[in-house]
Amino acid sequence: MTATTIFSMSEILQSNIFFFVTAIAVIFVAVASIWVLYHFVRLLRVLRNISEIGEQELYTLRGDVADARAFVKEESIKFKHALGFLSVLFNLGEKMRGRARKPAARKKHSSVINEEKNDEQ
């Protein structure tokens, strides 16, 4: 055997080691990718469940808000009738509606009118 043959065996050995290390690296990257994808899918499932629960609660909340609006509307009508009754009792009707009566214009006495006429002349 010559030196060139040993050198060629060394090249073959080096290429075999390279392919072995590369295969192990590819397997490691594939396993890591599968592990990451598995956990990503689990995360997406959890997020989907959370969104479904949130959607159900949103529908429940919407119904509660509708009930509350109806209750407030009903009670405000009752309160309006009670307030109207009390305003009639205490003669506050015009004040509550914002239509305060204007004070009646005072009539001037004839003596004041005569004095104004005299001042004008």
PDB file of N, CA and C in Angstrom:
ATOM      1  N   MET A   1       0.814  -1.168   0.000  1.00  0.00           N
ATOM      2  CA  MET A   1       0.000   0.000   0.000  1.00  0.00           C
ATOM      3  C   MET A   1       0.871   1.250   0.000  1.00  0.00           C
ATOM      4  N   THR A   2       0.406   2.112  -0.774  1.00  0.00           N
ATOM      5  CA  THR A   2       1.166   3.343  -0.907  1.00  0.00           C
ATOM      6  C   THR A   2       0.524   4.434  -0.059  1.00  0.00           C
ATOM      7  N   ALA A   3       1.142   5.509  -0.017  1.00  0.00           N
ATOM      8  CA  ALA A   3       0.669   6.638   0.787  1.00  0.00           C
ATOM      9  C   ALA A   3      -0.603   7.229   0.193  1.00  0.00           C
ATOM     10  N   THR A   4      -0.747   7.125  -1.084  1.00  0.00           N
ATOM     11  CA  THR A   4      -1.937   7.668  -1.696  1.00  0.00           C
ATOM     12  C   THR A   4      -3.155   6.853  -1.334  1.00  0.00           C
ATOM     13  N   THR A   5      -3.016   5.575  -1.148  1.00  0.00           N
ATOM     14  CA  THR A   5      -4.139   4.738  -0.769  1.00  0.00           C
ATOM     15  C   THR A   5      -4.585   5.057   0.650  1.00  0.00           C
ATOM     16  N   ILE A   6      -3.680   5.248   1.531  1.00  0.00           N
ATOM     17  CA  ILE A   6      -4.041   5.582   2.914  1.00  0.00           C
ATOM     18  C   ILE A   6      -4.726   6.945   2.930  1.00  0.00           C
ATOM     19  N   PHE A   7      -4.214   7.863   2.126  1.00  0.00           N
ATOM     20  CA  PHE A   7      -4.819   9.177   2.049  1.00  0.00           C
ATOM     21  C   PHE A   7      -6.229   9.075   1.500  1.00  0.00           C
ATOM     22  N   SER A   8      -6.487   8.211   0.527  1.00  0.00           N
ATOM     23  CA  SER A   8      -7.822   8.046   0.008  1.00  0.00           C
ATOM     24  C   SER A   8      -8.745   7.433   1.040  1.00  0.00           C
ATOM     25  N   MET A   9      -8.249   6.532   1.805  1.00  0.00           N
ATOM     26  CA  MET A   9      -9.075   5.946   2.861  1.00  0.00           C
ATOM     27  C   MET A   9      -9.428   7.006   3.880  1.00  0.00           C
ATOM     28  N   SER A  10      -8.529   7.910   4.124  1.00  0.00           N
ATOM     29  CA  SER A  10      -8.789   8.971   5.069  1.00  0.00           C
ATOM     30  C   SER A  10      -9.898   9.877   4.541  1.00  0.00           C
ATOM     31  N   GLU A  11      -9.897  10.158   3.241  1.00  0.00           N
ATOM     32  CA  GLU A  11     -10.955  10.983   2.650  1.00  0.00           C
ATOM     33  C   GLU A  11     -12.300  10.282   2.746  1.00  0.00           C
ATOM     34  N   ILE A  12     -12.317   8.973   2.500  1.00  0.00           N
ATOM     35  CA  ILE A  12     -13.560   8.212   2.615  1.00  0.00           C
ATOM     36  C   ILE A  12     -14.031   8.229   4.059  1.00  0.00           C
ATOM     37  N   LEU A  13     -13.119   8.062   4.961  1.00  0.00           N
ATOM     38  CA  LEU A  13     -13.471   8.095   6.377  1.00  0.00           C
ATOM     39  C   LEU A  13     -13.997   9.472   6.780  1.00  0.00           C
ATOM     40  N   GLN A  14     -13.420  10.512   6.291  1.00  0.00           N
ATOM     41  CA  GLN A  14     -13.877  11.860   6.587  1.00  0.00           C
ATOM     42  C   GLN A  14     -15.272  12.108   6.014  1.00  0.00           C
ATOM     43  N   SER A  15     -15.508  11.650   4.812  1.00  0.00           N
ATOM     44  CA  SER A  15     -16.844  11.841   4.225  1.00  0.00           C
ATOM     45  C   SER A  15     -17.885  11.036   4.970  1.00  0.00           C
ATOM     46  N   ASN A  16     -17.511   9.836   5.418  1.00  0.00           N
ATOM     47  CA  ASN A  16     -18.460   9.032   6.217  1.00  0.00           C
ATOM     48  C   ASN A  16     -18.786   9.726   7.540  1.00  0.00           C
ATOM     49  N   ILE A  17     -17.785  10.270   8.179  1.00  0.00           N
ATOM     50  CA  ILE A  17     -18.015  10.995   9.442  1.00  0.00           C
ATOM     51  C   ILE A  17     -18.898  12.217   9.177  1.00  0.00           C
ATOM     52  N   PHE A  18     -18.636  12.947   8.079  1.00  0.00           N
ATOM     53  CA  PHE A  18     -19.445  14.111   7.729  1.00  0.00           C
ATOM     54  C   PHE A  18     -20.898  13.712   7.519  1.00  0.00           C
ATOM     55  N   PHE A  19     -21.172  12.650   6.760  1.00  0.00           N
ATOM     56  CA  PHE A  19     -22.548  12.228   6.515  1.00  0.00           C
ATOM     57  C   PHE A  19     -23.215  11.732   7.792  1.00  0.00           C
ATOM     58  N   PHE A  20     -22.455  11.075   8.658  1.00  0.00           N
ATOM     59  CA  PHE A  20     -23.010  10.603   9.919  1.00  0.00           C
ATOM     60  C   PHE A  20     -23.412  11.791  10.808  1.00  0.00           C
ATOM     61  N   VAL A  21     -22.550  12.764  10.918  1.00  0.00           N
ATOM     62  CA  VAL A  21     -22.832  13.957  11.734  1.00  0.00           C
ATOM     63  C   VAL A  21     -24.001  14.736  11.115  1.00  0.00           C
ATOM     64  N   THR A  22     -24.035  14.850   9.811  1.00  0.00           N
ATOM     65  CA  THR A  22     -25.128  15.549   9.133  1.00  0.00           C
ATOM     66  C   THR A  22     -26.453  14.844   9.351  1.00  0.00           C
ATOM     67  N   ALA A  23     -26.464  13.530   9.277  1.00  0.00           N
ATOM     68  CA  ALA A  23     -27.684  12.761   9.505  1.00  0.00           C
ATOM     69  C   ALA A  23     -28.193  12.961  10.928  1.00  0.00           C
ATOM     70  N   ILE A  24     -27.268  12.949  11.882  1.00  0.00           N
ATOM     71  CA  ILE A  24     -27.677  13.175  13.277  1.00  0.00           C
ATOM     72  C   ILE A  24     -28.234  14.589  13.434  1.00  0.00           C
ATOM     73  N   ALA A  25     -27.619  15.571  12.804  1.00  0.00           N
ATOM     74  CA  ALA A  25     -28.104  16.956  12.885  1.00  0.00           C
ATOM     75  C   ALA A  25     -29.482  17.091  12.245  1.00  0.00           C
ATOM     76  N   VAL A  26     -29.684  16.445  11.096  1.00  0.00           N
ATOM     77  CA  VAL A  26     -30.987  16.500  10.430  1.00  0.00           C
ATOM     78  C   VAL A  26     -32.054  15.846  11.301  1.00  0.00           C
ATOM     79  N   ILE A  27     -31.733  14.713  11.908  1.00  0.00           N
ATOM     80  CA  ILE A  27     -32.684  14.042  12.802  1.00  0.00           C
ATOM     81  C   ILE A  27     -32.999  14.935  14.005  1.00  0.00           C
ATOM     82  N   PHE A  28     -31.991  15.572  14.569  1.00  0.00           N
ATOM     83  CA  PHE A  28     -32.201  16.454  15.721  1.00  0.00           C
ATOM     84  C   PHE A  28     -33.091  17.646  15.338  1.00  0.00           C
ATOM     85  N   VAL A  29     -32.814  18.250  14.176  1.00  0.00           N
ATOM     86  CA  VAL A  29     -33.632  19.394  13.723  1.00  0.00           C
ATOM     87  C   VAL A  29     -35.062  18.943  13.442  1.00  0.00           C
ATOM     88  N   ALA A  30     -35.244  17.763  12.857  1.00  0.00           N
ATOM     89  CA  ALA A  30     -36.584  17.250  12.576  1.00  0.00           C
ATOM     90  C   ALA A  30     -37.353  17.000  13.878  1.00  0.00           C
ATOM     91  N   VAL A  31     -36.698  16.381  14.853  1.00  0.00           N
ATOM     92  CA  VAL A  31     -37.358  16.118  16.144  1.00  0.00           C
ATOM     93  C   VAL A  31     -37.709  17.437  16.833  1.00  0.00           C
ATOM     94  N   ALA A  32     -36.808  18.389  16.807  1.00  0.00           N
ATOM     95  CA  ALA A  32     -37.068  19.693  17.425  1.00  0.00           C
ATOM     96  C   ALA A  32     -38.225  20.403  16.726  1.00  0.00           C
ATOM     97  N   SER A  33     -38.267  20.315  15.395  1.00  0.00           N
ATOM     98  CA  SER A  33     -39.367  20.937  14.639  1.00  0.00           C
ATOM     99  C   SER A  33     -40.699  20.279  14.970  1.00  0.00           C
ATOM    100  N   ILE A  34     -40.709  18.963  15.057  1.00  0.00           N
ATOM    101  CA  ILE A  34     -41.940  18.244  15.409  1.00  0.00           C
ATOM    102  C   ILE A  34     -42.390  18.633  16.817  1.00  0.00           C
ATOM    103  N   TRP A  35     -41.442  18.750  17.752  1.00  0.00           N
ATOM    104  CA  TRP A  35     -41.776  19.134  19.124  1.00  0.00           C
ATOM    105  C   TRP A  35     -42.365  20.553  19.155  1.00  0.00           C
ATOM    106  N   VAL A  36     -41.771  21.481  18.419  1.00  0.00           N
ATOM    107  CA  VAL A  36     -42.268  22.864  18.370  1.00  0.00           C
ATOM    108  C   VAL A  36     -43.660  22.904  17.742  1.00  0.00           C
ATOM    109  N   LEU A  37     -43.853  22.183  16.643  1.00  0.00           N
ATOM    110  CA  LEU A  37     -45.169  22.156  15.998  1.00  0.00           C
ATOM    111  C   LEU A  37     -46.232  21.543  16.898  1.00  0.00           C
ATOM    112  N   TYR A  38     -45.868  20.487  17.633  1.00  0.00           N
ATOM    113  CA  TYR A  38     -46.807  19.858  18.561  1.00  0.00           C
ATOM    114  C   TYR A  38     -47.271  20.860  19.625  1.00  0.00           C
ATOM    115  N   HIS A  39     -46.346  21.570  20.211  1.00  0.00           N
ATOM    116  CA  HIS A  39     -46.721  22.543  21.235  1.00  0.00           C
ATOM    117  C   HIS A  39     -47.463  23.731  20.634  1.00  0.00           C
ATOM    118  N   PHE A  40     -47.152  24.106  19.421  1.00  0.00           N
ATOM    119  CA  PHE A  40     -47.876  25.184  18.744  1.00  0.00           C
ATOM    120  C   PHE A  40     -49.328  24.783  18.489  1.00  0.00           C
ATOM    121  N   VAL A  41     -49.539  23.539  18.058  1.00  0.00           N
ATOM    122  CA  VAL A  41     -50.902  23.045  17.836  1.00  0.00           C
ATOM    123  C   VAL A  41     -51.665  23.000  19.157  1.00  0.00           C
ATOM    124  N   ARG A  42     -51.012  22.555  20.235  1.00  0.00           N
ATOM    125  CA  ARG A  42     -51.661  22.546  21.556  1.00  0.00           C
ATOM    126  C   ARG A  42     -52.046  23.962  21.975  1.00  0.00           C
ATOM    127  N   LEU A  43     -51.168  24.919  21.723  1.00  0.00           N
ATOM    128  CA  LEU A  43     -51.451  26.314  22.052  1.00  0.00           C
ATOM    129  C   LEU A  43     -52.644  26.829  21.252  1.00  0.00           C
ATOM    130  N   LEU A  44     -52.696  26.487  19.973  1.00  0.00           N
ATOM    131  CA  LEU A  44     -53.828  26.914  19.150  1.00  0.00           C
ATOM    132  C   LEU A  44     -55.126  26.299  19.646  1.00  0.00           C
ATOM    133  N   ARG A  45     -55.113  25.049  20.095  1.00  0.00           N
ATOM    134  CA  ARG A  45     -56.320  24.421  20.640  1.00  0.00           C
ATOM    135  C   ARG A  45     -56.781  25.131  21.905  1.00  0.00           C
ATOM    136  N   VAL A  46     -55.836  25.459  22.765  1.00  0.00           N
ATOM    137  CA  VAL A  46     -56.184  26.171  23.999  1.00  0.00           C
ATOM    138  C   VAL A  46     -56.773  27.536  23.664  1.00  0.00           C
ATOM    139  N   LEU A  47     -56.169  28.242  22.711  1.00  0.00           N
ATOM    140  CA  LEU A  47     -56.693  29.542  22.305  1.00  0.00           C
ATOM    141  C   LEU A  47     -58.087  29.424  21.697  1.00  0.00           C
ATOM    142  N   ARG A  48     -58.329  28.360  20.937  1.00  0.00           N
ATOM    143  CA  ARG A  48     -59.662  28.153  20.368  1.00  0.00           C
ATOM    144  C   ARG A  48     -60.676  27.911  21.473  1.00  0.00           C
ATOM    145  N   ASN A  49     -60.311  27.110  22.476  1.00  0.00           N
ATOM    146  CA  ASN A  49     -61.225  26.867  23.596  1.00  0.00           C
ATOM    147  C   ASN A  49     -61.502  28.152  24.362  1.00  0.00           C
ATOM    148  N   ILE A  50     -60.471  28.942  24.571  1.00  0.00           N
ATOM    149  CA  ILE A  50     -60.664  30.217  25.271  1.00  0.00           C
ATOM    150  C   ILE A  50     -61.574  31.134  24.469  1.00  0.00           C
ATOM    151  N   SER A  51     -61.397  31.190  23.170  1.00  0.00           N
ATOM    152  CA  SER A  51     -62.245  32.057  22.348  1.00  0.00           C
ATOM    153  C   SER A  51     -63.695  31.564  22.334  1.00  0.00           C
ATOM    154  N   GLU A  52     -63.904  30.254  22.354  1.00  0.00           N
ATOM    155  CA  GLU A  52     -65.272  29.730  22.416  1.00  0.00           C
ATOM    156  C   GLU A  52     -65.931  30.090  23.746  1.00  0.00           C
ATOM    157  N   ILE A  53     -65.172  29.966  24.830  1.00  0.00           N
ATOM    158  CA  ILE A  53     -65.713  30.342  26.142  1.00  0.00           C
ATOM    159  C   ILE A  53     -66.007  31.841  26.166  1.00  0.00           C
ATOM    160  N   GLY A  54     -65.099  32.639  25.627  1.00  0.00           N
ATOM    161  CA  GLY A  54     -65.329  34.083  25.558  1.00  0.00           C
ATOM    162  C   GLY A  54     -66.544  34.436  24.737  1.00  0.00           C
ATOM    163  N   GLU A  55     -66.752  33.717  23.643  1.00  0.00           N
ATOM    164  CA  GLU A  55     -67.918  33.968  22.795  1.00  0.00           C
ATOM    165  C   GLU A  55     -69.214  33.625  23.538  1.00  0.00           C
ATOM    166  N   GLN A  56     -69.218  32.498  24.259  1.00  0.00           N
ATOM    167  CA  GLN A  56     -70.397  32.128  25.043  1.00  0.00           C
ATOM    168  C   GLN A  56     -70.678  33.168  26.120  1.00  0.00           C
ATOM    169  N   GLU A  57     -69.635  33.636  26.788  1.00  0.00           N
ATOM    170  CA  GLU A  57     -69.816  34.644  27.831  1.00  0.00           C
ATOM    171  C   GLU A  57     -70.281  35.961  27.231  1.00  0.00           C
ATOM    172  N   LEU A  58     -69.832  36.263  26.024  1.00  0.00           N
ATOM    173  CA  LEU A  58     -70.269  37.486  25.363  1.00  0.00           C
ATOM    174  C   LEU A  58     -71.761  37.434  25.073  1.00  0.00           C
ATOM    175  N   TYR A  59     -72.257  36.285  24.607  1.00  0.00           N
ATOM    176  CA  TYR A  59     -73.688  36.148  24.376  1.00  0.00           C
ATOM    177  C   TYR A  59     -74.464  36.273  25.683  1.00  0.00           C
ATOM    178  N   THR A  60     -73.937  35.678  26.751  1.00  0.00           N
ATOM    179  CA  THR A  60     -74.576  35.790  28.052  1.00  0.00           C
ATOM    180  C   THR A  60     -74.592  37.241  28.525  1.00  0.00           C
ATOM    181  N   LEU A  61     -73.463  37.922  28.352  1.00  0.00           N
ATOM    182  CA  LEU A  61     -73.367  39.320  28.751  1.00  0.00           C
ATOM    183  C   LEU A  61     -74.317  40.182  27.941  1.00  0.00           C
ATOM    184  N   ARG A  62     -74.444  39.892  26.661  1.00  0.00           N
ATOM    185  CA  ARG A  62     -75.359  40.659  25.824  1.00  0.00           C
ATOM    186  C   ARG A  62     -76.796  40.486  26.299  1.00  0.00           C
ATOM    187  N   GLY A  63     -77.161  39.274  26.697  1.00  0.00           N
ATOM    188  CA  GLY A  63     -78.493  39.040  27.240  1.00  0.00           C
ATOM    189  C   GLY A  63     -78.690  39.768  28.557  1.00  0.00           C
ATOM    190  N   ASP A  64     -77.657  39.765  29.409  1.00  0.00           N
ATOM    191  CA  ASP A  64     -77.748  40.474  30.687  1.00  0.00           C
ATOM    192  C   ASP A  64     -77.905  41.977  30.483  1.00  0.00           C
ATOM    193  N   VAL A  65     -77.181  42.518  29.529  1.00  0.00           N
ATOM    194  CA  VAL A  65     -77.281  43.952  29.245  1.00  0.00           C
ATOM    195  C   VAL A  65     -78.671  44.285  28.714  1.00  0.00           C
ATOM    196  N   ALA A  66     -79.230  43.421  27.866  1.00  0.00           N
ATOM    197  CA  ALA A  66     -80.583  43.647  27.351  1.00  0.00           C
ATOM    198  C   ALA A  66     -81.593  43.611  28.503  1.00  0.00           C
ATOM    199  N   ASP A  67     -81.425  42.657  29.429  1.00  0.00           N
ATOM    200  CA  ASP A  67     -82.310  42.593  30.595  1.00  0.00           C
ATOM    201  C   ASP A  67     -82.171  43.845  31.451  1.00  0.00           C
ATOM    202  N   ALA A  68     -80.948  44.295  31.652  1.00  0.00           N
ATOM    203  CA  ALA A  68     -80.715  45.496  32.459  1.00  0.00           C
ATOM    204  C   ALA A  68     -81.334  46.723  31.799  1.00  0.00           C
ATOM    205  N   ARG A  69     -81.212  46.828  30.483  1.00  0.00           N
ATOM    206  CA  ARG A  69     -81.818  47.956  29.774  1.00  0.00           C
ATOM    207  C   ARG A  69     -83.328  47.943  29.917  1.00  0.00           C
ATOM    208  N   ALA A  70     -83.925  46.765  29.785  1.00  0.00           N
ATOM    209  CA  ALA A  70     -85.375  46.657  29.939  1.00  0.00           C
ATOM    210  C   ALA A  70     -85.792  47.025  31.365  1.00  0.00           C
ATOM    211  N   PHE A  71     -85.021  46.575  32.349  1.00  0.00           N
ATOM    212  CA  PHE A  71     -85.329  46.888  33.744  1.00  0.00           C
ATOM    213  C   PHE A  71     -85.244  48.393  33.995  1.00  0.00           C
ATOM    214  N   VAL A  72     -84.178  49.015  33.499  1.00  0.00           N
ATOM    215  CA  VAL A  72     -84.013  50.456  33.693  1.00  0.00           C
ATOM    216  C   VAL A  72     -85.133  51.218  32.999  1.00  0.00           C
ATOM    217  N   LYS A  73     -85.505  50.788  31.824  1.00  0.00           N
ATOM    218  CA  LYS A  73     -86.578  51.457  31.100  1.00  0.00           C
ATOM    219  C   LYS A  73     -87.889  51.341  31.862  1.00  0.00           C
ATOM    220  N   GLU A  74     -88.184  50.145  32.364  1.00  0.00           N
ATOM    221  CA  GLU A  74     -89.415  49.929  33.115  1.00  0.00           C
ATOM    222  C   GLU A  74     -89.425  50.736  34.407  1.00  0.00           C
ATOM    223  N   GLU A  75     -88.318  50.710  35.115  1.00  0.00           N
ATOM    224  CA  GLU A  75     -88.248  51.430  36.385  1.00  0.00           C
ATOM    225  C   GLU A  75     -88.252  52.932  36.169  1.00  0.00           C
ATOM    226  N   SER A  76     -87.664  53.410  35.076  1.00  0.00           N
ATOM    227  CA  SER A  76     -87.678  54.851  34.831  1.00  0.00           C
ATOM    228  C   SER A  76     -89.089  55.332  34.527  1.00  0.00           C
ATOM    229  N   ILE A  77     -89.870  54.496  33.860  1.00  0.00           N
ATOM    230  CA  ILE A  77     -91.267  54.866  33.611  1.00  0.00           C
ATOM    231  C   ILE A  77     -92.021  54.930  34.929  1.00  0.00           C
ATOM    232  N   LYS A  78     -91.788  53.959  35.807  1.00  0.00           N
ATOM    233  CA  LYS A  78     -92.428  53.986  37.126  1.00  0.00           C
ATOM    234  C   LYS A  78     -91.989  55.215  37.906  1.00  0.00           C
ATOM    235  N   PHE A  79     -90.703  55.528  37.852  1.00  0.00           N
ATOM    236  CA  PHE A  79     -90.193  56.684  38.573  1.00  0.00           C
ATOM    237  C   PHE A  79     -90.785  57.964  38.014  1.00  0.00           C
ATOM    238  N   LYS A  80     -90.951  58.023  36.707  1.00  0.00           N
ATOM    239  CA  LYS A  80     -91.540  59.202  36.080  1.00  0.00           C
ATOM    240  C   LYS A  80     -92.974  59.393  36.549  1.00  0.00           C
ATOM    241  N   HIS A  81     -93.740  58.302  36.631  1.00  0.00           N
ATOM    242  CA  HIS A  81     -95.121  58.405  37.095  1.00  0.00           C
ATOM    243  C   HIS A  81     -95.160  58.813  38.566  1.00  0.00           C
ATOM    244  N   ALA A  82     -94.281  58.257  39.376  1.00  0.00           N
ATOM    245  CA  ALA A  82     -94.239  58.615  40.797  1.00  0.00           C
ATOM    246  C   ALA A  82     -93.835  60.076  40.958  1.00  0.00           C
ATOM    247  N   LEU A  83     -92.872  60.533  40.190  1.00  0.00           N
ATOM    248  CA  LEU A  83     -92.444  61.921  40.253  1.00  0.00           C
ATOM    249  C   LEU A  83     -93.565  62.854  39.803  1.00  0.00           C
ATOM    250  N   GLY A  84     -94.277  62.451  38.768  1.00  0.00           N
ATOM    251  CA  GLY A  84     -95.427  63.256  38.318  1.00  0.00           C
ATOM    252  C   GLY A  84     -96.489  63.347  39.389  1.00  0.00           C
ATOM    253  N   PHE A  85     -96.749  62.243  40.078  1.00  0.00           N
ATOM    254  CA  PHE A  85     -97.731  62.244  41.155  1.00  0.00           C
ATOM    255  C   PHE A  85     -97.297  63.170  42.279  1.00  0.00           C
ATOM    256  N   LEU A  86     -96.025  63.078  42.650  1.00  0.00           N
ATOM    257  CA  LEU A  86     -95.519  63.942  43.729  1.00  0.00           C
ATOM    258  C   LEU A  86     -95.528  65.408  43.319  1.00  0.00           C
ATOM    259  N   SER A  87     -95.238  65.679  42.079  1.00  0.00           N
ATOM    260  CA  SER A  87     -95.230  67.075  41.636  1.00  0.00           C
ATOM    261  C   SER A  87     -96.633  67.652  41.648  1.00  0.00           C
ATOM    262  N   VAL A  88     -97.625  66.833  41.359  1.00  0.00           N
ATOM    263  CA  VAL A  88     -99.007  67.318  41.437  1.00  0.00           C
ATOM    264  C   VAL A  88     -99.373  67.577  42.897  1.00  0.00           C
ATOM    265  N   LEU A  89     -98.935  66.684  43.771  1.00  0.00           N
ATOM    266  CA  LEU A  89     -99.238  66.860  45.189  1.00  0.00           C
ATOM    267  C   LEU A  89     -98.616  68.133  45.752  1.00  0.00           C
ATOM    268  N   PHE A  90     -97.400  68.401  45.383  1.00  0.00           N
ATOM    269  CA  PHE A  90     -96.701  69.552  45.944  1.00  0.00           C
ATOM    270  C   PHE A  90     -96.657  70.736  44.996  1.00  0.00           C
ATOM    271  N   ASN A  91     -97.454  70.705  43.943  1.00  0.00           N
ATOM    272  CA  ASN A  91     -97.568  71.795  42.975  1.00  0.00           C
ATOM    273  C   ASN A  91     -96.202  72.149  42.380  1.00  0.00           C
ATOM    274  N   LEU A  92     -95.471  71.137  42.040  1.00  0.00           N
ATOM    275  CA  LEU A  92     -94.163  71.342  41.420  1.00  0.00           C
ATOM    276  C   LEU A  92     -94.202  71.038  39.932  1.00  0.00           C
ATOM    277  N   GLY A  93     -95.359  70.806  39.414  1.00  0.00           N
ATOM    278  CA  GLY A  93     -95.492  70.355  38.031  1.00  0.00           C
ATOM    279  C   GLY A  93     -94.850  71.278  37.032  1.00  0.00           C
ATOM    280  N   GLU A  94     -95.084  72.559  37.161  1.00  0.00           N
ATOM    281  CA  GLU A  94     -94.533  73.498  36.190  1.00  0.00           C
ATOM    282  C   GLU A  94     -93.022  73.645  36.373  1.00  0.00           C
ATOM    283  N   LYS A  95     -92.555  73.588  37.599  1.00  0.00           N
ATOM    284  CA  LYS A  95     -91.120  73.729  37.838  1.00  0.00           C
ATOM    285  C   LYS A  95     -90.363  72.514  37.318  1.00  0.00           C
ATOM    286  N   MET A  96     -90.931  71.337  37.458  1.00  0.00           N
ATOM    287  CA  MET A  96     -90.262  70.117  37.016  1.00  0.00           C
ATOM    288  C   MET A  96     -90.169  70.057  35.492  1.00  0.00           C
ATOM    289  N   ARG A  97     -91.130  70.624  34.833  1.00  0.00           N
ATOM    290  CA  ARG A  97     -91.134  70.579  33.369  1.00  0.00           C
ATOM    291  C   ARG A  97     -90.301  71.710  32.764  1.00  0.00           C
ATOM    292  N   GLY A  98     -89.802  72.599  33.606  1.00  0.00           N
ATOM    293  CA  GLY A  98     -88.988  73.695  33.103  1.00  0.00           C
ATOM    294  C   GLY A  98     -89.815  74.833  32.549  1.00  0.00           C
ATOM    295  N   ARG A  99     -91.085  74.863  32.815  1.00  0.00           N
ATOM    296  CA  ARG A  99     -91.961  75.927  32.325  1.00  0.00           C
ATOM    297  C   ARG A  99     -92.441  76.769  33.507  1.00  0.00           C
ATOM    298  N   ALA A 100     -91.540  77.445  34.121  1.00  0.00           N
ATOM    299  CA  ALA A 100     -91.937  78.278  35.250  1.00  0.00           C
ATOM    300  C   ALA A 100     -92.853  79.389  34.730  1.00  0.00           C
ATOM    301  N   ARG A 101     -93.858  79.643  35.466  1.00  0.00           N
ATOM    302  CA  ARG A 101     -94.818  80.669  35.033  1.00  0.00           C
ATOM    303  C   ARG A 101     -94.177  82.040  35.114  1.00  0.00           C
ATOM    304  N   LYS A 102     -94.477  82.826  34.128  1.00  0.00           N
ATOM    305  CA  LYS A 102     -93.962  84.188  34.122  1.00  0.00           C
ATOM    306  C   LYS A 102     -94.805  85.006  35.096  1.00  0.00           C
ATOM    307  N   PRO A 103     -94.160  85.865  35.829  1.00  0.00           N
ATOM    308  CA  PRO A 103     -94.950  86.692  36.754  1.00  0.00           C
ATOM    309  C   PRO A 103     -95.871  87.606  35.945  1.00  0.00           C
ATOM    310  N   ALA A 104     -97.045  87.777  36.461  1.00  0.00           N
ATOM    311  CA  ALA A 104     -98.028  88.632  35.771  1.00  0.00           C
ATOM    312  C   ALA A 104     -97.526  90.073  35.778  1.00  0.00           C
ATOM    313  N   ALA A 105     -97.726  90.737  34.659  1.00  0.00           N
ATOM    314  CA  ALA A 105     -97.286  92.128  34.544  1.00  0.00           C
ATOM    315  C   ALA A 105     -98.127  92.986  35.482  1.00  0.00           C
ATOM    316  N   ARG A 106     -97.454  93.813  36.229  1.00  0.00           N
ATOM    317  CA  ARG A 106     -98.168  94.670  37.163  1.00  0.00           C
ATOM    318  C   ARG A 106     -98.768  95.851  36.409  1.00  0.00           C
ATOM    319  N   LYS A 107     -99.938  96.143  36.797  1.00  0.00           N
ATOM    320  CA  LYS A 107    -100.584  97.319  36.200  1.00  0.00           C
ATOM    321  C   LYS A 107    -100.133  98.554  36.970  1.00  0.00           C
ATOM    322  N   LYS A 108     -99.827  99.524  36.215  1.00  0.00           N
ATOM    323  CA  LYS A 108     -99.382 100.761  36.850  1.00  0.00           C
ATOM    324  C   LYS A 108    -100.611 101.526  37.333  1.00  0.00           C
ATOM    325  N   HIS A 109    -100.434 102.138  38.426  1.00  0.00           N
ATOM    326  CA  HIS A 109    -101.523 102.961  38.953  1.00  0.00           C
ATOM    327  C   HIS A 109    -101.725 104.167  38.053  1.00  0.00           C
ATOM    328  N   SER A 110    -102.901 104.650  38.058  1.00  0.00           N
ATOM    329  CA  SER A 110    -103.224 105.799  37.206  1.00  0.00           C
ATOM    330  C   SER A 110    -102.388 107.012  37.570  1.00  0.00           C
ATOM    331  N   SER A 111    -101.975 107.135  38.825  1.00  0.00           N
ATOM    332  CA  SER A 111    -101.176 108.298  39.223  1.00  0.00           C
ATOM    333  C   SER A 111     -99.784 108.207  38.587  1.00  0.00           C
ATOM    334  N   VAL A 112     -99.219 106.998  38.498  1.00  0.00           N
ATOM    335  CA  VAL A 112     -97.898 106.827  37.895  1.00  0.00           C
ATOM    336  C   VAL A 112     -97.979 107.105  36.401  1.00  0.00           C
ATOM    337  N   ILE A 113     -99.046 106.652  35.766  1.00  0.00           N
ATOM    338  CA  ILE A 113     -99.230 106.889  34.315  1.00  0.00           C
ATOM    339  C   ILE A 113     -99.353 108.387  34.057  1.00  0.00           C
ATOM    340  N   ASN A 114    -100.084 109.087  34.890  1.00  0.00           N
ATOM    341  CA  ASN A 114    -100.246 110.531  34.712  1.00  0.00           C
ATOM    342  C   ASN A 114     -98.931 111.253  34.879  1.00  0.00           C
ATOM    343  N   GLU A 115     -98.084 110.811  35.830  1.00  0.00           N
ATOM    344  CA  GLU A 115     -96.804 111.447  36.029  1.00  0.00           C
ATOM    345  C   GLU A 115     -95.890 111.237  34.831  1.00  0.00           C
ATOM    346  N   GLU A 116     -95.957 110.022  34.224  1.00  0.00           N
ATOM    347  CA  GLU A 116     -95.120 109.744  33.048  1.00  0.00           C
ATOM    348  C   GLU A 116     -95.555 110.635  31.877  1.00  0.00           C
ATOM    349  N   LYS A 117     -96.836 110.849  31.743  1.00  0.00           N
ATOM    350  CA  LYS A 117     -97.329 111.691  30.650  1.00  0.00           C
ATOM    351  C   LYS A 117     -96.885 113.140  30.863  1.00  0.00           C
ATOM    352  N   ASN A 118     -96.901 113.566  32.113  1.00  0.00           N
ATOM    353  CA  ASN A 118     -96.499 114.928  32.403  1.00  0.00           C
ATOM    354  C   ASN A 118     -95.002 115.122  32.134  1.00  0.00           C
ATOM    355  N   ASP A 119     -94.201 114.083  32.413  1.00  0.00           N
ATOM    356  CA  ASP A 119     -92.763 114.162  32.180  1.00  0.00           C
ATOM    357  C   ASP A 119     -92.448 114.238  30.688  1.00  0.00           C
ATOM    358  N   GLU A 120     -93.265 113.598  29.888  1.00  0.00           N
ATOM    359  CA  GLU A 120     -93.030 113.578  28.436  1.00  0.00           C
ATOM    360  C   GLU A 120     -93.339 114.944  27.831  1.00  0.00           C
ATOM    361  N   GLN A 121     -94.247 115.681  28.389  1.00  0.00           N
ATOM    362  CA  GLN A 121     -94.662 116.959  27.815  1.00  0.00           C
ATOM    363  C   GLN A 121     -93.738 118.021  28.180  1.00  0.00           C
TER     364      GLN A 121
END
